[in-house]
Amino acid sequence: MHNLNAFDADVLRLFHEIAESGSFTAAAELLGYTQSAVSRRIAALERAAGGPLFERLARGVRLTPAGEALHRHAVAVLDRLERAGEELAAIHGGRGGTLRLGAFATANVDLVPGTLRRFVERRPGVELRLVEGLTARLMERLRAGALDVAVISDYPAGLPAAAPHTVLLREDRLLVALPGGHRLAGDAEVDLRDLAEETWIEAAPRGQPTLLVTACAAAGFTPRGGLRVAEWTGKFGFVAAGLGVTLVPELAARAVPPDLVLRPLRGTAPVRKVYAALPETPLPAALELVEMLGEWKACTTASPI
């Protein structure tokens, strides 16, 4: 049985240089070995290989059949190691590898795709993988090592306990979506108290406080619950049909259909905070992406009057 420990990268590189040059002396000079060190290492390699690898000639050496077989494998191994080194350098330099990103749904309307477009232009060698999910699930995946960056929100239940390193990206205002023919659709801003009699389309988790309930309480009324609709596209359909109004995060403004109008709320509008979460030892590409996420500019929120 061969001693595989003898086939280390350094000795394979030495073996390859001797095979290419046909000379122990030339390989020793190229790699910075003494002649005696080359002889000792090749002798140890031949013992591990079970027989001679070089035929000693009057001038130089040439491969034996066993040496030719080993040389084919040595070239393949050294090539793979070189490519591995290049790939690792690219990953550590933020120029290559795979970047696994998770984000909640409304972040994927504009924030994430708009940022990734710029990121891909700057770092075309980085392969991107995207997972969509709720904040709690994204944080579980991040802690398990399955994500490199997670775009998360403190709504509706705040940041999960024991959150890793987080970077505040922005405060995301909640706007009110009204049907085009609504009595307040022509106003530049809407006072929440003027919506006290409206039916609200939402699907907040039961038993948890929501930004809508908190904001309405501050305005002196309890919002009238209506149909529970979870998906944003569904909410827009019910609002367009005149069955109620809903709050829309500014992050999702670009997805609002043209037959609805978005209006900011007068005074202190309800907001949620959007963060990027990173593992304890983030990849350079992840840090660069987070910086670019922080530079993103929201689209125009208010529909034309």
Protein backbone atom coordinates (compact mmCIF):
# COMPACT_ATOMS: atom_id res chain seq x y z
CA MET A 1 0.00 0.00 0.00
CA HIS A 2 1.38 3.41 -1.00
CA ASN A 3 2.09 6.11 1.57
CA LEU A 4 -0.24 8.84 0.33
CA ASN A 5 1.33 11.37 2.70
CA ALA A 6 4.39 11.28 0.48
CA PHE A 7 2.40 12.70 -2.43
CA ASP A 8 2.12 16.22 -1.04
CA ALA A 9 1.77 19.28 -3.27
CA ASP A 10 5.36 20.44 -2.83
CA VAL A 11 6.91 17.15 -3.88
CA LEU A 12 4.48 16.81 -6.79
CA ARG A 13 5.47 20.31 -7.94
CA LEU A 14 9.14 19.32 -7.68
CA PHE A 15 8.47 16.06 -9.54
CA HIS A 16 6.64 17.98 -12.28
CA GLU A 17 9.48 20.48 -12.75
CA ILE A 18 12.02 17.68 -13.04
CA ALA A 19 9.82 15.88 -15.59
CA GLU A 20 9.44 19.08 -17.63
CA SER A 21 13.10 20.12 -17.51
CA GLY A 22 14.65 16.66 -17.53
CA SER A 23 17.09 17.79 -14.87
CA PHE A 24 17.32 17.61 -11.09
CA THR A 25 19.67 20.60 -11.16
CA ALA A 26 17.35 22.84 -13.20
CA ALA A 27 14.38 22.00 -10.96
CA ALA A 28 16.46 22.67 -7.85
CA GLU A 29 17.49 26.10 -9.13
CA LEU A 30 13.94 27.00 -10.18
CA LEU A 31 12.34 26.01 -6.86
CA GLY A 32 15.16 27.04 -4.52
CA TYR A 33 16.22 23.55 -3.37
CA THR A 34 19.72 22.21 -2.91
CA GLN A 35 20.77 19.31 -5.13
CA SER A 36 20.89 16.97 -2.14
CA ALA A 37 17.42 18.02 -0.97
CA VAL A 38 16.01 17.23 -4.42
CA SER A 39 17.65 13.81 -4.41
CA ARG A 40 16.28 12.99 -0.94
CA ARG A 41 12.74 14.07 -1.77
CA ILE A 42 12.61 12.20 -5.07
CA ALA A 43 14.08 9.08 -3.43
CA ALA A 44 11.33 9.23 -0.78
CA LEU A 45 8.72 9.72 -3.52
CA GLU A 46 10.01 6.71 -5.44
CA ARG A 47 9.86 4.56 -2.29
CA ALA A 48 6.25 5.65 -1.76
CA ALA A 49 5.47 4.98 -5.44
CA GLY A 50 6.88 1.46 -5.20
CA GLY A 51 9.65 1.86 -7.75
CA PRO A 52 11.74 4.21 -9.92
CA LEU A 53 10.04 7.23 -11.48
CA PHE A 54 13.05 8.52 -13.40
CA GLU A 55 15.63 6.82 -15.55
CA ARG A 56 19.01 8.35 -14.78
CA LEU A 57 20.86 9.27 -17.98
CA ALA A 58 24.36 10.54 -18.65
CA ARG A 59 22.86 13.99 -18.95
CA GLY A 60 19.66 14.51 -17.04
CA VAL A 61 16.75 12.17 -16.43
CA ARG A 62 13.60 10.96 -18.16
CA LEU A 63 10.38 9.48 -16.86
CA THR A 64 9.89 5.74 -16.54
CA PRO A 65 6.46 4.33 -17.47
CA ALA A 66 5.49 4.59 -13.79
CA GLY A 67 6.80 8.14 -13.77
CA GLU A 68 4.70 9.02 -16.81
CA ALA A 69 1.59 7.66 -15.09
CA LEU A 70 2.28 9.64 -11.93
CA HIS A 71 3.08 12.75 -13.96
CA ARG A 72 -0.37 12.71 -15.57
CA HIS A 73 -1.96 12.67 -12.11
CA ALA A 74 0.47 15.26 -10.76
CA VAL A 75 -0.42 17.71 -13.56
CA ALA A 76 -4.12 17.25 -12.83
CA VAL A 77 -3.64 17.70 -9.07
CA LEU A 78 -1.47 20.79 -9.44
CA ASP A 79 -3.94 22.31 -11.90
CA ARG A 80 -6.83 21.72 -9.48
CA LEU A 81 -4.83 23.24 -6.61
CA GLU A 82 -4.00 26.29 -8.72
CA ARG A 83 -7.65 26.77 -9.63
CA ALA A 84 -8.64 26.29 -5.99
CA GLY A 85 -6.16 28.99 -4.98
CA GLU A 86 -7.54 31.36 -7.61
CA GLU A 87 -11.12 30.68 -6.49
CA LEU A 88 -10.28 31.22 -2.82
CA ALA A 89 -8.48 34.45 -3.66
CA ALA A 90 -11.55 35.61 -5.59
CA ILE A 91 -13.85 34.77 -2.67
CA HIS A 92 -11.65 36.51 -0.11
CA GLY A 93 -11.30 39.46 -2.48
CA GLY A 94 -15.06 39.71 -3.06
CA ARG A 95 -14.64 38.96 -6.77
CA GLY A 96 -15.98 35.40 -6.99
CA GLY A 97 -17.67 32.52 -5.24
CA THR A 98 -21.34 32.25 -4.30
CA LEU A 99 -23.27 34.84 -2.30
CA ARG A 100 -26.47 33.55 -0.66
CA LEU A 101 -28.99 36.32 0.02
CA GLY A 102 -32.31 36.10 1.85
CA ALA A 103 -34.96 38.82 1.89
CA PHE A 104 -38.57 39.37 2.92
CA ALA A 105 -41.19 39.76 0.20
CA THR A 106 -41.57 43.54 -0.09
CA ALA A 107 -37.79 44.01 -0.11
CA ASN A 108 -37.84 42.00 -3.34
CA VAL A 109 -40.06 44.56 -5.09
CA ASP A 110 -37.37 47.18 -5.62
CA LEU A 111 -34.68 47.31 -2.92
CA VAL A 112 -33.09 43.92 -3.58
CA PRO A 113 -33.42 43.72 -7.40
CA GLY A 114 -32.35 47.34 -7.84
CA THR A 115 -29.28 46.76 -5.69
CA LEU A 116 -28.42 43.42 -7.26
CA ARG A 117 -28.46 44.99 -10.72
CA ARG A 118 -25.66 47.34 -9.62
CA PHE A 119 -23.85 44.59 -7.72
CA VAL A 120 -23.80 42.26 -10.75
CA GLU A 121 -22.38 45.05 -12.90
CA ARG A 122 -19.60 45.61 -10.35
CA ARG A 123 -18.96 41.96 -9.41
CA PRO A 124 -19.91 39.78 -12.40
CA GLY A 125 -17.82 36.88 -11.06
CA VAL A 126 -19.97 36.42 -7.95
CA GLU A 127 -22.78 33.88 -8.31
CA LEU A 128 -25.97 34.99 -6.55
CA ARG A 129 -28.59 32.81 -4.88
CA LEU A 130 -31.78 34.30 -3.46
CA VAL A 131 -34.21 32.96 -0.87
CA GLU A 132 -37.45 34.74 0.07
CA GLY A 133 -39.00 34.33 3.50
CA LEU A 134 -40.21 35.89 6.70
CA THR A 135 -37.69 37.56 8.98
CA ALA A 136 -37.74 34.82 11.64
CA ARG A 137 -37.07 32.08 9.09
CA LEU A 138 -34.32 34.08 7.38
CA MET A 139 -32.58 34.57 10.71
CA GLU A 140 -32.74 30.84 11.39
CA ARG A 141 -31.08 30.16 8.04
CA LEU A 142 -28.42 32.81 8.69
CA ARG A 143 -27.54 31.34 12.10
CA ALA A 144 -27.40 27.86 10.53
CA GLY A 145 -24.84 29.08 7.99
CA ALA A 146 -27.21 28.77 5.02
CA LEU A 147 -27.21 32.50 4.18
CA ASP A 148 -24.46 35.10 3.83
CA VAL A 149 -26.76 38.14 4.06
CA ALA A 150 -30.38 38.52 5.19
CA VAL A 151 -32.55 41.58 4.56
CA ILE A 152 -34.96 41.63 7.49
CA SER A 153 -37.51 43.88 9.18
CA ASP A 154 -38.55 44.62 12.75
CA TYR A 155 -42.23 44.35 11.73
CA PRO A 156 -44.44 43.04 13.21
CA ALA A 157 -42.66 41.49 16.20
CA GLY A 158 -39.30 43.27 16.36
CA LEU A 159 -35.94 41.73 15.59
CA PRO A 160 -35.53 38.11 16.71
CA ALA A 161 -33.65 37.52 19.94
CA ALA A 162 -29.92 36.85 19.66
CA ALA A 163 -29.75 38.48 16.24
CA PRO A 164 -26.23 38.47 14.78
CA HIS A 165 -24.52 41.56 13.45
CA THR A 166 -27.12 43.89 11.94
CA VAL A 167 -26.87 47.09 9.89
CA LEU A 168 -29.78 49.53 9.71
CA LEU A 169 -30.55 50.12 6.03
CA ARG A 170 -33.50 52.49 6.20
CA GLU A 171 -36.76 53.42 7.86
CA ASP A 172 -39.60 52.28 5.65
CA ARG A 173 -42.66 54.54 5.82
CA LEU A 174 -46.09 53.01 5.49
CA LEU A 175 -48.31 54.83 2.99
CA VAL A 176 -52.03 54.49 2.52
CA ALA A 177 -53.35 52.99 -0.73
CA LEU A 178 -56.70 54.37 -1.90
CA PRO A 179 -58.88 53.55 -4.90
CA GLY A 180 -58.55 56.11 -7.66
CA GLY A 181 -62.04 57.54 -7.07
CA HIS A 182 -61.67 57.90 -3.29
CA ARG A 183 -62.74 61.20 -1.76
CA LEU A 184 -59.19 61.77 -0.43
CA ALA A 185 -57.35 60.66 -3.56
CA GLY A 186 -56.71 64.25 -4.62
CA ASP A 187 -55.05 65.27 -1.35
CA ALA A 188 -51.26 65.49 -1.20
CA GLU A 189 -51.32 63.98 2.30
CA VAL A 190 -53.98 62.12 4.26
CA ASP A 191 -54.82 62.55 7.92
CA LEU A 192 -55.28 59.12 9.47
CA ARG A 193 -58.30 60.44 11.43
CA ASP A 194 -60.09 61.02 8.11
CA LEU A 195 -59.93 57.26 7.55
CA ALA A 196 -61.58 56.33 10.86
CA GLU A 197 -64.70 54.99 9.14
CA GLU A 198 -62.86 53.07 6.44
CA THR A 199 -62.57 49.29 6.22
CA TRP A 200 -58.95 48.13 6.33
CA ILE A 201 -57.66 45.28 4.20
CA GLU A 202 -54.85 43.50 6.07
CA ALA A 203 -53.73 40.15 7.44
CA ALA A 204 -51.60 40.91 10.46
CA PRO A 205 -50.66 37.98 12.72
CA ARG A 206 -53.35 37.44 15.32
CA GLY A 207 -52.52 38.54 18.84
CA GLN A 208 -49.64 40.81 17.79
CA PRO A 209 -49.70 44.61 17.80
CA THR A 210 -49.46 46.16 14.34
CA LEU A 211 -48.31 49.51 13.08
CA LEU A 212 -51.85 50.19 11.87
CA VAL A 213 -53.44 49.51 15.27
CA THR A 214 -50.77 51.54 17.07
CA ALA A 215 -51.06 54.50 14.67
CA CYS A 216 -54.86 54.48 14.78
CA ALA A 217 -54.84 54.32 18.58
CA ALA A 218 -52.62 57.42 18.64
CA ALA A 219 -55.13 59.10 16.31
CA GLY A 220 -57.98 58.24 18.69
CA PHE A 221 -59.79 55.36 17.02
CA THR A 222 -59.69 51.61 16.43
CA PRO A 223 -59.39 50.55 12.79
CA ARG A 224 -62.35 48.70 11.37
CA GLY A 225 -61.23 45.26 10.28
CA GLY A 226 -62.30 43.92 6.93
CA LEU A 227 -61.35 41.02 4.73
CA ARG A 228 -58.10 39.35 5.73
CA VAL A 229 -55.79 39.27 2.71
CA ALA A 230 -52.13 38.32 3.04
CA GLU A 231 -50.63 38.82 -0.42
CA TRP A 232 -49.92 42.37 -1.55
CA THR A 233 -51.31 41.76 -5.03
CA GLY A 234 -54.55 40.58 -3.44
CA LYS A 235 -54.75 43.63 -1.18
CA PHE A 236 -54.39 45.89 -4.19
CA GLY A 237 -57.25 44.11 -5.93
CA PHE A 238 -59.61 44.59 -2.99
CA VAL A 239 -58.68 48.25 -2.64
CA ALA A 240 -59.18 48.83 -6.38
CA ALA A 241 -62.64 47.26 -6.05
CA GLY A 242 -63.54 49.86 -3.40
CA LEU A 243 -63.79 47.30 -0.59
CA GLY A 244 -61.36 49.06 1.73
CA VAL A 245 -57.99 50.75 2.07
CA THR A 246 -54.64 49.38 3.13
CA LEU A 247 -51.18 50.41 4.29
CA VAL A 248 -48.36 49.85 1.83
CA PRO A 249 -44.64 49.91 2.74
CA GLU A 250 -42.69 52.45 0.73
CA LEU A 251 -40.47 49.55 -0.35
CA ALA A 252 -43.45 48.12 -2.27
CA ALA A 253 -44.54 51.39 -3.90
CA ARG A 254 -43.30 50.37 -7.34
CA ALA A 255 -45.65 47.39 -7.36
CA VAL A 256 -48.83 49.43 -6.78
CA PRO A 257 -51.07 49.31 -9.89
CA PRO A 258 -51.91 52.60 -11.64
CA ASP A 259 -55.60 52.53 -10.70
CA LEU A 260 -54.66 53.07 -7.04
CA VAL A 261 -53.09 56.15 -5.45
CA LEU A 262 -50.55 56.17 -2.66
CA ARG A 263 -50.57 59.00 -0.16
CA PRO A 264 -48.27 59.70 2.78
CA LEU A 265 -49.94 60.13 6.14
CA ARG A 266 -49.85 63.57 7.68
CA GLY A 267 -47.76 63.97 10.82
CA THR A 268 -45.76 61.06 12.18
CA ALA A 269 -46.32 58.23 9.73
CA PRO A 270 -46.00 54.63 10.96
CA VAL A 271 -42.62 53.20 10.00
CA ARG A 272 -40.78 49.93 10.21
CA LYS A 273 -37.02 49.49 10.19
CA VAL A 274 -35.20 47.44 7.57
CA TYR A 275 -31.87 45.82 8.41
CA ALA A 276 -29.20 43.71 6.80
CA ALA A 277 -28.03 40.85 9.02
CA LEU A 278 -24.61 39.25 8.64
CA PRO A 279 -22.82 36.30 10.25
CA GLU A 280 -19.97 36.90 12.67
CA THR A 281 -17.39 36.50 9.89
CA PRO A 282 -18.97 37.98 6.77
CA LEU A 283 -17.67 37.50 3.25
CA PRO A 284 -16.17 40.58 1.59
CA ALA A 285 -18.81 40.34 -1.14
CA ALA A 286 -21.53 40.35 1.55
CA LEU A 287 -20.11 43.51 3.12
CA GLU A 288 -20.01 45.20 -0.28
CA LEU A 289 -23.60 44.20 -1.00
CA VAL A 290 -24.79 45.56 2.35
CA GLU A 291 -23.06 48.86 1.62
CA MET A 292 -24.86 49.04 -1.72
CA LEU A 293 -28.21 48.17 -0.10
CA GLY A 294 -27.71 51.16 2.17
CA GLU A 295 -27.19 53.42 -0.86
CA TRP A 296 -30.47 52.43 -2.53
CA LYS A 297 -32.95 55.22 -3.20
CA ALA A 298 -36.70 54.63 -3.00
CA CYS A 299 -38.84 55.28 -6.04
CA THR A 300 -41.34 58.13 -5.99
CA THR A 301 -44.03 57.18 -3.50
CA ALA A 302 -46.94 59.51 -4.21
CA SER A 303 -49.03 58.78 -7.26
CA PRO A 304 -49.85 61.81 -9.42
CA ILE A 305 -52.84 63.84 -8.24
